[in-house]
Amino acid sequence: MLDATRKVPRSSVLPPSAHGGIVVAYPPADRFALRMQGANEETIAGFDLGGPINSVRGAVDRFAARLGPDEWLLVEREGGGQATQEALQEELAGRHSSLVAVGHRNVAIAVSGPHASTVLSAGVPLDLSDRGFPEGMATRTILAKAEVVLVRPAASDHFRVECWRSFAPYVYAYLMNSAREFG
């Protein structure tokens, strides 16, 4: 079940900013960690679980990021989580799977603009060029000293950084410092 008492208002975690192309544009969201084998090319509760490992399917505010052979991060607009969780549980009934609501532990930071990949490259040890990290890609990685899930939805100059709430001030400050060169 979702625990609304554990949600922390975004404004108390990160100050809003548009400095250097970083925009804290994502409102709180409901998130689920799904582990399940044999879900290739399947849709469950409206989430497209198909695609290769390290890919993302769906819209910017509702998507499934495939992080491993049997692991997905499912993100849903805030407020839709209870219904989504019930739909997921119903469709997963009888299947060997694990579904955990993790919306209370994560926040998302948008990094967008013409220098987005350069700002992120200051702390991410991946090739974030269009060729190295194309649209529709998602992966678990490190940003400076914090574990993050990096998602590149359809917009070519836009990235979504998902991180644990406790690391959000550090990740945000690191990105702001990196963006100063372009601000």
N, C-alpha and C. Protein backbone atom coordinates (compact mmCIF):
# COMPACT_ATOMS: atom_id res chain seq x y z
N MET A 1 0.83 -1.19 0.00
CA MET A 1 0.00 0.00 0.00
C MET A 1 0.87 1.25 0.00
N LEU A 2 0.38 2.31 -0.53
CA LEU A 2 1.09 3.58 -0.53
C LEU A 2 1.00 4.20 0.85
N ASP A 3 2.06 4.83 1.29
CA ASP A 3 2.09 5.46 2.60
C ASP A 3 2.22 6.97 2.40
N ALA A 4 1.10 7.66 2.36
CA ALA A 4 1.10 9.10 2.08
C ALA A 4 1.77 9.89 3.19
N THR A 5 1.84 9.34 4.40
CA THR A 5 2.46 10.07 5.51
C THR A 5 3.96 10.20 5.33
N ARG A 6 4.55 9.37 4.49
CA ARG A 6 6.00 9.42 4.31
C ARG A 6 6.42 10.33 3.17
N LYS A 7 5.47 10.90 2.45
CA LYS A 7 5.80 11.80 1.35
C LYS A 7 6.23 13.14 1.90
N VAL A 8 7.32 13.65 1.38
CA VAL A 8 7.83 14.95 1.78
C VAL A 8 7.56 15.91 0.65
N PRO A 9 6.96 17.08 0.93
CA PRO A 9 6.72 18.04 -0.16
C PRO A 9 8.02 18.38 -0.88
N ARG A 10 7.94 18.41 -2.20
CA ARG A 10 9.13 18.67 -3.02
C ARG A 10 9.79 19.99 -2.63
N SER A 11 9.00 20.99 -2.28
CA SER A 11 9.56 22.30 -1.97
C SER A 11 10.45 22.26 -0.73
N SER A 12 10.26 21.26 0.14
CA SER A 12 11.11 21.18 1.32
C SER A 12 12.39 20.42 1.03
N VAL A 13 12.48 19.81 -0.14
CA VAL A 13 13.67 19.05 -0.49
C VAL A 13 14.59 19.85 -1.40
N LEU A 14 14.04 20.45 -2.43
CA LEU A 14 14.84 21.16 -3.43
C LEU A 14 14.22 22.52 -3.73
N PRO A 15 15.03 23.55 -3.75
CA PRO A 15 14.49 24.86 -4.15
C PRO A 15 14.26 24.87 -5.66
N PRO A 16 13.17 25.46 -6.13
CA PRO A 16 12.96 25.53 -7.57
C PRO A 16 13.99 26.43 -8.23
N SER A 17 14.40 26.05 -9.44
CA SER A 17 15.40 26.84 -10.15
C SER A 17 15.33 26.55 -11.64
N ALA A 18 15.78 27.50 -12.42
CA ALA A 18 15.95 27.31 -13.86
C ALA A 18 17.38 27.68 -14.23
N HIS A 19 18.28 27.65 -13.27
CA HIS A 19 19.67 28.05 -13.44
C HIS A 19 20.42 27.07 -14.34
N GLY A 20 21.02 27.58 -15.37
CA GLY A 20 21.90 26.77 -16.20
C GLY A 20 21.22 25.60 -16.89
N GLY A 21 19.95 25.64 -17.12
CA GLY A 21 19.28 24.56 -17.81
C GLY A 21 18.72 23.50 -16.89
N ILE A 22 18.98 23.58 -15.60
CA ILE A 22 18.40 22.60 -14.68
C ILE A 22 17.06 23.16 -14.22
N VAL A 23 16.04 22.35 -14.36
CA VAL A 23 14.72 22.78 -13.94
C VAL A 23 14.13 21.68 -13.06
N VAL A 24 13.79 22.03 -11.84
CA VAL A 24 13.12 21.07 -10.98
C VAL A 24 11.66 21.12 -11.38
N ALA A 25 11.33 20.36 -12.41
CA ALA A 25 10.02 20.48 -13.04
C ALA A 25 9.10 19.33 -12.71
N TYR A 26 9.61 18.31 -12.05
CA TYR A 26 8.78 17.15 -11.81
C TYR A 26 8.07 17.23 -10.48
N PRO A 27 6.77 17.16 -10.52
CA PRO A 27 6.02 17.11 -9.27
C PRO A 27 6.23 15.73 -8.64
N PRO A 28 5.85 15.57 -7.39
CA PRO A 28 5.96 14.23 -6.78
C PRO A 28 5.25 13.20 -7.65
N ALA A 29 5.74 11.98 -7.62
CA ALA A 29 5.17 10.91 -8.43
C ALA A 29 5.06 9.65 -7.60
N ASP A 30 4.23 8.75 -8.07
CA ASP A 30 4.15 7.42 -7.47
C ASP A 30 5.07 6.52 -8.28
N ARG A 31 5.83 5.71 -7.57
CA ARG A 31 6.82 4.85 -8.23
C ARG A 31 6.72 3.44 -7.68
N PHE A 32 7.06 2.48 -8.54
CA PHE A 32 7.02 1.09 -8.15
C PHE A 32 8.26 0.39 -8.68
N ALA A 33 8.82 -0.47 -7.86
CA ALA A 33 9.90 -1.35 -8.30
C ALA A 33 9.24 -2.70 -8.60
N LEU A 34 9.36 -3.14 -9.85
CA LEU A 34 8.76 -4.40 -10.28
C LEU A 34 9.87 -5.36 -10.65
N ARG A 35 9.79 -6.56 -10.10
CA ARG A 35 10.70 -7.65 -10.48
C ARG A 35 9.83 -8.79 -10.98
N MET A 36 10.10 -9.27 -12.20
CA MET A 36 9.31 -10.34 -12.77
C MET A 36 10.04 -10.93 -13.96
N GLN A 37 10.09 -12.23 -14.02
CA GLN A 37 10.71 -12.89 -15.17
C GLN A 37 9.66 -13.16 -16.24
N GLY A 38 10.13 -13.18 -17.46
CA GLY A 38 9.26 -13.55 -18.58
C GLY A 38 8.25 -12.51 -18.98
N ALA A 39 8.58 -11.24 -18.86
CA ALA A 39 7.63 -10.18 -19.23
C ALA A 39 8.03 -9.51 -20.54
N ASN A 40 8.76 -10.18 -21.37
CA ASN A 40 9.18 -9.58 -22.64
C ASN A 40 7.99 -9.23 -23.51
N GLU A 41 8.00 -8.01 -24.04
CA GLU A 41 6.96 -7.52 -24.95
C GLU A 41 5.57 -7.61 -24.35
N GLU A 42 5.46 -7.37 -23.07
CA GLU A 42 4.18 -7.45 -22.38
C GLU A 42 3.77 -6.06 -21.88
N THR A 43 2.47 -5.83 -21.81
CA THR A 43 1.94 -4.61 -21.21
C THR A 43 1.13 -5.02 -19.99
N ILE A 44 1.44 -4.39 -18.85
CA ILE A 44 0.75 -4.68 -17.60
C ILE A 44 0.26 -3.36 -17.02
N ALA A 45 -1.03 -3.28 -16.77
CA ALA A 45 -1.67 -2.08 -16.21
C ALA A 45 -1.29 -0.82 -17.00
N GLY A 46 -1.17 -0.97 -18.30
CA GLY A 46 -0.86 0.16 -19.16
C GLY A 46 0.62 0.48 -19.29
N PHE A 47 1.48 -0.23 -18.59
CA PHE A 47 2.93 -0.02 -18.69
C PHE A 47 3.49 -0.99 -19.72
N ASP A 48 4.23 -0.48 -20.70
CA ASP A 48 4.87 -1.29 -21.73
C ASP A 48 6.19 -1.80 -21.17
N LEU A 49 6.26 -3.10 -20.89
CA LEU A 49 7.47 -3.70 -20.32
C LEU A 49 8.40 -4.25 -21.38
N GLY A 50 8.07 -4.04 -22.64
CA GLY A 50 8.89 -4.53 -23.73
C GLY A 50 10.15 -3.70 -23.88
N GLY A 51 10.91 -4.03 -24.85
CA GLY A 51 12.14 -3.29 -25.13
C GLY A 51 13.33 -3.89 -24.43
N PRO A 52 14.50 -3.51 -24.87
CA PRO A 52 15.73 -4.07 -24.31
C PRO A 52 16.03 -3.49 -22.92
N ILE A 53 16.96 -4.12 -22.25
CA ILE A 53 17.45 -3.61 -20.98
C ILE A 53 18.00 -2.20 -21.22
N ASN A 54 17.84 -1.32 -20.25
CA ASN A 54 18.27 0.08 -20.32
C ASN A 54 17.46 0.91 -21.31
N SER A 55 16.17 0.58 -21.40
CA SER A 55 15.29 1.37 -22.25
C SER A 55 14.12 1.89 -21.43
N VAL A 56 13.44 2.90 -21.96
CA VAL A 56 12.27 3.46 -21.30
C VAL A 56 11.14 3.51 -22.31
N ARG A 57 9.95 3.12 -21.85
CA ARG A 57 8.76 3.14 -22.70
C ARG A 57 7.68 3.94 -22.00
N GLY A 58 7.04 4.85 -22.72
CA GLY A 58 5.93 5.61 -22.18
C GLY A 58 6.19 7.10 -22.29
N ALA A 59 5.38 7.88 -21.57
CA ALA A 59 5.47 9.34 -21.58
C ALA A 59 6.42 9.82 -20.49
N VAL A 60 6.71 11.10 -20.46
CA VAL A 60 7.62 11.68 -19.48
C VAL A 60 7.08 11.51 -18.07
N ASP A 61 5.76 11.57 -17.89
CA ASP A 61 5.20 11.50 -16.55
C ASP A 61 4.55 10.15 -16.21
N ARG A 62 4.63 9.18 -17.13
CA ARG A 62 4.15 7.82 -16.86
C ARG A 62 4.92 6.86 -17.76
N PHE A 63 5.84 6.13 -17.16
CA PHE A 63 6.71 5.28 -17.98
C PHE A 63 7.19 4.06 -17.21
N ALA A 64 7.75 3.12 -17.98
CA ALA A 64 8.41 1.94 -17.45
C ALA A 64 9.86 1.98 -17.93
N ALA A 65 10.79 2.03 -16.99
CA ALA A 65 12.21 1.99 -17.32
C ALA A 65 12.72 0.58 -17.02
N ARG A 66 13.21 -0.11 -18.03
CA ARG A 66 13.73 -1.47 -17.85
C ARG A 66 15.19 -1.36 -17.44
N LEU A 67 15.47 -1.73 -16.19
CA LEU A 67 16.81 -1.58 -15.63
C LEU A 67 17.59 -2.89 -15.57
N GLY A 68 16.96 -3.98 -15.81
CA GLY A 68 17.62 -5.29 -15.80
C GLY A 68 16.76 -6.29 -16.52
N PRO A 69 17.23 -7.55 -16.61
CA PRO A 69 16.45 -8.55 -17.36
C PRO A 69 15.08 -8.82 -16.74
N ASP A 70 14.94 -8.59 -15.44
CA ASP A 70 13.66 -8.82 -14.78
C ASP A 70 13.29 -7.68 -13.83
N GLU A 71 13.76 -6.46 -14.13
CA GLU A 71 13.57 -5.33 -13.23
C GLU A 71 13.13 -4.07 -13.97
N TRP A 72 12.07 -3.42 -13.44
CA TRP A 72 11.55 -2.19 -14.00
C TRP A 72 11.30 -1.16 -12.90
N LEU A 73 11.50 0.10 -13.25
CA LEU A 73 11.05 1.21 -12.42
C LEU A 73 9.82 1.76 -13.13
N LEU A 74 8.67 1.71 -12.47
CA LEU A 74 7.42 2.21 -13.03
C LEU A 74 7.10 3.53 -12.36
N VAL A 75 6.90 4.57 -13.16
CA VAL A 75 6.61 5.91 -12.63
C VAL A 75 5.24 6.34 -13.13
N GLU A 76 4.44 6.83 -12.21
CA GLU A 76 3.06 7.25 -12.47
C GLU A 76 2.85 8.63 -11.87
N ARG A 77 2.06 9.47 -12.52
CA ARG A 77 1.72 10.77 -11.95
C ARG A 77 1.21 10.59 -10.53
N GLU A 78 1.54 11.55 -9.65
CA GLU A 78 1.07 11.46 -8.27
C GLU A 78 -0.45 11.47 -8.25
N GLY A 79 -0.99 10.65 -7.41
CA GLY A 79 -2.43 10.55 -7.28
C GLY A 79 -2.99 9.35 -8.02
N GLY A 80 -2.26 8.84 -8.99
CA GLY A 80 -2.71 7.67 -9.73
C GLY A 80 -2.15 6.38 -9.16
N GLY A 81 -1.31 6.49 -8.15
CA GLY A 81 -0.59 5.34 -7.64
C GLY A 81 -1.44 4.26 -7.01
N GLN A 82 -2.44 4.63 -6.25
CA GLN A 82 -3.28 3.63 -5.59
C GLN A 82 -4.00 2.77 -6.63
N ALA A 83 -4.62 3.42 -7.60
CA ALA A 83 -5.33 2.69 -8.65
C ALA A 83 -4.34 1.87 -9.49
N THR A 84 -3.18 2.45 -9.77
CA THR A 84 -2.17 1.73 -10.54
C THR A 84 -1.67 0.52 -9.78
N GLN A 85 -1.42 0.70 -8.49
CA GLN A 85 -0.94 -0.41 -7.68
C GLN A 85 -1.97 -1.55 -7.65
N GLU A 86 -3.23 -1.21 -7.51
CA GLU A 86 -4.28 -2.23 -7.50
C GLU A 86 -4.36 -2.94 -8.85
N ALA A 87 -4.27 -2.18 -9.94
CA ALA A 87 -4.30 -2.79 -11.28
C ALA A 87 -3.09 -3.70 -11.50
N LEU A 88 -1.92 -3.25 -11.06
CA LEU A 88 -0.72 -4.07 -11.19
C LEU A 88 -0.86 -5.36 -10.38
N GLN A 89 -1.32 -5.25 -9.13
CA GLN A 89 -1.47 -6.43 -8.28
C GLN A 89 -2.47 -7.41 -8.88
N GLU A 90 -3.55 -6.88 -9.45
CA GLU A 90 -4.55 -7.75 -10.07
C GLU A 90 -3.96 -8.51 -11.26
N GLU A 91 -3.23 -7.79 -12.12
CA GLU A 91 -2.65 -8.43 -13.31
C GLU A 91 -1.47 -9.35 -12.98
N LEU A 92 -0.82 -9.11 -11.85
CA LEU A 92 0.32 -9.94 -11.46
C LEU A 92 -0.10 -11.13 -10.60
N ALA A 93 -1.35 -11.20 -10.20
CA ALA A 93 -1.84 -12.28 -9.34
C ALA A 93 -1.51 -13.64 -9.97
N GLY A 94 -0.94 -14.50 -9.16
CA GLY A 94 -0.60 -15.84 -9.63
C GLY A 94 0.72 -15.93 -10.36
N ARG A 95 1.39 -14.83 -10.56
CA ARG A 95 2.69 -14.84 -11.25
C ARG A 95 3.80 -14.65 -10.23
N HIS A 96 4.92 -15.23 -10.50
CA HIS A 96 6.08 -15.05 -9.62
C HIS A 96 6.65 -13.65 -9.87
N SER A 97 6.33 -12.73 -8.96
CA SER A 97 6.74 -11.34 -9.15
C SER A 97 6.85 -10.64 -7.81
N SER A 98 7.45 -9.46 -7.83
CA SER A 98 7.56 -8.62 -6.65
C SER A 98 7.24 -7.19 -7.07
N LEU A 99 6.32 -6.55 -6.35
CA LEU A 99 5.94 -5.18 -6.63
C LEU A 99 6.03 -4.40 -5.33
N VAL A 100 6.86 -3.35 -5.32
CA VAL A 100 7.07 -2.56 -4.12
C VAL A 100 6.85 -1.09 -4.46
N ALA A 101 6.00 -0.41 -3.69
CA ALA A 101 5.79 1.03 -3.85
C ALA A 101 7.01 1.76 -3.29
N VAL A 102 7.68 2.55 -4.12
CA VAL A 102 8.89 3.26 -3.70
C VAL A 102 8.78 4.77 -3.95
N GLY A 103 7.57 5.26 -4.11
CA GLY A 103 7.36 6.68 -4.40
C GLY A 103 7.85 7.59 -3.30
N HIS A 104 7.81 7.13 -2.07
CA HIS A 104 8.24 7.94 -0.94
C HIS A 104 9.75 8.12 -0.87
N ARG A 105 10.51 7.27 -1.54
CA ARG A 105 11.97 7.34 -1.39
C ARG A 105 12.66 8.14 -2.50
N ASN A 106 11.99 8.38 -3.63
CA ASN A 106 12.64 9.03 -4.76
C ASN A 106 12.09 10.43 -5.05
N VAL A 107 12.92 11.23 -5.68
CA VAL A 107 12.51 12.48 -6.30
C VAL A 107 13.13 12.50 -7.69
N ALA A 108 12.61 13.36 -8.55
CA ALA A 108 13.13 13.46 -9.90
C ALA A 108 13.52 14.90 -10.19
N ILE A 109 14.66 15.05 -10.84
CA ILE A 109 15.18 16.36 -11.23
C ILE A 109 15.29 16.35 -12.75
N ALA A 110 14.76 17.39 -13.37
CA ALA A 110 14.86 17.52 -14.82
C ALA A 110 16.10 18.32 -15.15
N VAL A 111 16.87 17.83 -16.09
CA VAL A 111 18.03 18.56 -16.62
C VAL A 111 17.77 18.69 -18.11
N SER A 112 17.56 19.94 -18.55
CA SER A 112 17.21 20.12 -19.95
C SER A 112 17.89 21.35 -20.50
N GLY A 113 17.85 21.45 -21.81
CA GLY A 113 18.48 22.57 -22.49
C GLY A 113 19.66 22.10 -23.33
N PRO A 114 20.25 23.02 -24.09
CA PRO A 114 21.32 22.63 -25.01
C PRO A 114 22.58 22.10 -24.33
N HIS A 115 22.77 22.38 -23.03
CA HIS A 115 23.96 21.92 -22.32
C HIS A 115 23.65 20.81 -21.33
N ALA A 116 22.48 20.20 -21.42
CA ALA A 116 22.06 19.19 -20.45
C ALA A 116 23.05 18.04 -20.35
N SER A 117 23.47 17.49 -21.47
CA SER A 117 24.39 16.35 -21.41
C SER A 117 25.74 16.76 -20.85
N THR A 118 26.18 17.97 -21.12
CA THR A 118 27.46 18.46 -20.59
C THR A 118 27.38 18.66 -19.08
N VAL A 119 26.27 19.23 -18.61
CA VAL A 119 26.07 19.42 -17.17
C VAL A 119 26.10 18.07 -16.46
N LEU A 120 25.41 17.08 -16.99
CA LEU A 120 25.39 15.75 -16.39
C LEU A 120 26.73 15.05 -16.48
N SER A 121 27.44 15.27 -17.56
CA SER A 121 28.73 14.60 -17.76
C SER A 121 29.77 14.98 -16.71
N ALA A 122 29.55 16.08 -16.01
CA ALA A 122 30.48 16.46 -14.94
C ALA A 122 30.50 15.42 -13.83
N GLY A 123 29.41 14.65 -13.68
CA GLY A 123 29.36 13.67 -12.60
C GLY A 123 28.98 12.27 -13.01
N VAL A 124 28.59 12.08 -14.28
CA VAL A 124 28.15 10.77 -14.75
C VAL A 124 29.23 10.16 -15.65
N PRO A 125 29.70 8.95 -15.33
CA PRO A 125 30.77 8.33 -16.12
C PRO A 125 30.28 7.59 -17.36
N LEU A 126 29.32 8.16 -18.07
CA LEU A 126 28.79 7.55 -19.28
C LEU A 126 28.91 8.53 -20.44
N ASP A 127 28.91 8.00 -21.64
CA ASP A 127 28.84 8.83 -22.84
C ASP A 127 27.39 9.26 -23.00
N LEU A 128 27.10 10.52 -22.79
CA LEU A 128 25.73 11.02 -22.85
C LEU A 128 25.41 11.70 -24.18
N SER A 129 26.24 11.47 -25.17
CA SER A 129 25.96 12.01 -26.50
C SER A 129 24.73 11.33 -27.07
N ASP A 130 24.21 11.88 -28.17
CA ASP A 130 23.03 11.29 -28.81
C ASP A 130 23.30 9.84 -29.22
N ARG A 131 24.51 9.55 -29.59
CA ARG A 131 24.85 8.19 -30.03
C ARG A 131 25.07 7.26 -28.83
N GLY A 132 25.73 7.75 -27.79
CA GLY A 132 26.05 6.93 -26.64
C GLY A 132 24.88 6.71 -25.69
N PHE A 133 23.98 7.68 -25.60
CA PHE A 133 22.82 7.60 -24.71
C PHE A 133 21.63 8.19 -25.45
N PRO A 134 21.09 7.43 -26.41
CA PRO A 134 20.04 7.97 -27.28
C PRO A 134 18.71 8.14 -26.55
N GLU A 135 17.80 8.84 -27.21
CA GLU A 135 16.44 8.99 -26.71
C GLU A 135 15.85 7.61 -26.45
N GLY A 136 15.07 7.48 -25.39
CA GLY A 136 14.46 6.21 -25.06
C GLY A 136 15.34 5.30 -24.23
N MET A 137 16.43 5.85 -23.69
CA MET A 137 17.35 5.04 -22.87
C MET A 137 17.18 5.39 -21.40
N ALA A 138 17.39 4.40 -20.55
CA ALA A 138 17.36 4.57 -19.11
C ALA A 138 18.36 3.61 -18.49
N THR A 139 19.06 4.04 -17.44
CA THR A 139 20.01 3.16 -16.78
C THR A 139 20.26 3.60 -15.35
N ARG A 140 20.67 2.67 -14.56
CA ARG A 140 21.12 2.99 -13.20
C ARG A 140 22.60 3.33 -13.33
N THR A 141 23.02 4.42 -12.70
CA THR A 141 24.41 4.86 -12.78
C THR A 141 24.76 5.66 -11.54
N ILE A 142 25.90 6.28 -11.57
CA ILE A 142 26.38 7.13 -10.48
C ILE A 142 26.44 8.57 -11.00
N LEU A 143 25.98 9.50 -10.19
CA LEU A 143 26.18 10.92 -10.45
C LEU A 143 26.99 11.43 -9.27
N ALA A 144 28.25 11.75 -9.51
CA ALA A 144 29.20 12.10 -8.45
C ALA A 144 29.27 10.91 -7.49
N LYS A 145 28.74 11.04 -6.28
CA LYS A 145 28.81 9.93 -5.31
C LYS A 145 27.43 9.36 -4.98
N ALA A 146 26.44 9.65 -5.80
CA ALA A 146 25.08 9.20 -5.53
C ALA A 146 24.59 8.26 -6.64
N GLU A 147 23.91 7.20 -6.24
CA GLU A 147 23.29 6.31 -7.22
C GLU A 147 22.04 6.98 -7.74
N VAL A 148 21.87 6.97 -9.05
CA VAL A 148 20.70 7.57 -9.69
C VAL A 148 20.20 6.64 -10.80
N VAL A 149 18.99 6.89 -11.23
CA VAL A 149 18.48 6.30 -12.47
C VAL A 149 18.36 7.46 -13.43
N LEU A 150 19.06 7.35 -14.55
CA LEU A 150 19.07 8.40 -15.56
C LEU A 150 18.19 7.97 -16.72
N VAL A 151 17.22 8.82 -17.06
CA VAL A 151 16.24 8.52 -18.11
C VAL A 151 16.32 9.61 -19.16
N ARG A 152 16.37 9.19 -20.41
CA ARG A 152 16.32 10.16 -21.51
C ARG A 152 15.08 9.87 -22.33
N PRO A 153 13.99 10.60 -22.03
CA PRO A 153 12.75 10.37 -22.80
C PRO A 153 12.88 10.92 -24.21
N ALA A 154 11.79 11.12 -24.88
CA ALA A 154 11.78 11.49 -26.29
C ALA A 154 12.49 12.79 -26.62
N ALA A 155 12.52 13.75 -25.72
CA ALA A 155 13.17 15.04 -26.03
C ALA A 155 14.69 14.87 -26.01
N SER A 156 15.36 15.27 -27.07
CA SER A 156 16.79 15.01 -27.18
C SER A 156 17.64 15.83 -26.22
N ASP A 157 17.16 16.97 -25.75
CA ASP A 157 17.97 17.78 -24.83
C ASP A 157 17.39 17.74 -23.41
N HIS A 158 16.80 16.61 -23.07
CA HIS A 158 16.10 16.49 -21.80
C HIS A 158 16.46 15.18 -21.11
N PHE A 159 16.82 15.26 -19.84
CA PHE A 159 17.11 14.07 -19.04
C PHE A 159 16.31 14.15 -17.75
N ARG A 160 15.97 13.00 -17.22
CA ARG A 160 15.29 12.90 -15.92
C ARG A 160 16.23 12.14 -14.99
N VAL A 161 16.56 12.77 -13.87
CA VAL A 161 17.44 12.15 -12.88
C VAL A 161 16.57 11.72 -11.70
N GLU A 162 16.44 10.43 -11.49
CA GLU A 162 15.71 9.88 -10.35
C GLU A 162 16.74 9.53 -9.28
N CYS A 163 16.55 10.06 -8.07
CA CYS A 163 17.47 9.73 -6.99
C CYS A 163 16.72 9.58 -5.67
N TRP A 164 17.37 8.95 -4.72
CA TRP A 164 16.76 8.80 -3.41
C TRP A 164 16.57 10.17 -2.80
N ARG A 165 15.48 10.36 -2.13
CA ARG A 165 15.13 11.64 -1.50
C ARG A 165 16.25 12.16 -0.60
N SER A 166 16.91 11.27 0.12
CA SER A 166 17.97 11.71 1.03
C SER A 166 19.19 12.23 0.28
N PHE A 167 19.39 11.82 -0.98
CA PHE A 167 20.50 12.30 -1.79
C PHE A 167 20.14 13.51 -2.64
N ALA A 168 18.86 13.86 -2.70
CA ALA A 168 18.40 14.92 -3.59
C ALA A 168 19.09 16.26 -3.37
N PRO A 169 19.26 16.74 -2.14
CA PRO A 169 19.96 18.02 -1.98
C PRO A 169 21.40 17.98 -2.51
N TYR A 170 22.09 16.85 -2.29
CA TYR A 170 23.45 16.70 -2.79
C TYR A 170 23.47 16.67 -4.33
N VAL A 171 22.61 15.86 -4.93
CA VAL A 171 22.56 15.74 -6.39
C VAL A 171 22.20 17.09 -7.01
N TYR A 172 21.20 17.76 -6.44
CA TYR A 172 20.77 19.05 -6.94
C TYR A 172 21.91 20.08 -6.85
N ALA A 173 22.58 20.14 -5.71
CA ALA A 173 23.69 21.09 -5.54
C ALA A 173 24.82 20.78 -6.52
N TYR A 174 25.10 19.51 -6.73
CA TYR A 174 26.16 19.12 -7.66
C TYR A 174 25.80 19.58 -9.08
N LEU A 175 24.56 19.35 -9.48
CA LEU A 175 24.13 19.76 -10.81
C LEU A 175 24.13 21.28 -10.96
N MET A 176 23.68 21.97 -9.93
CA MET A 176 23.68 23.45 -9.97
C MET A 176 25.10 23.97 -10.12
N ASN A 177 26.04 23.38 -9.39
CA ASN A 177 27.45 23.80 -9.48
C ASN A 177 27.98 23.54 -10.89
N SER A 178 27.65 22.40 -11.44
CA SER A 178 28.09 22.07 -12.80
C SER A 178 27.47 23.00 -13.82
N ALA A 179 26.23 23.44 -13.59
CA ALA A 179 25.52 24.29 -14.55
C ALA A 179 25.95 25.75 -14.50
N ARG A 180 26.64 26.16 -13.46
CA ARG A 180 27.03 27.57 -13.34
C ARG A 180 27.78 28.08 -14.55
N GLU A 181 28.55 27.22 -15.16
CA GLU A 181 29.33 27.61 -16.34
C GLU A 181 28.41 28.08 -17.48
N PHE A 182 27.19 27.58 -17.50
CA PHE A 182 26.26 27.89 -18.59
C PHE A 182 25.16 28.84 -18.18
N GLY A 183 25.10 29.25 -16.91
CA GLY A 183 23.99 30.03 -16.37
C GLY A 183 23.97 31.42 -16.71
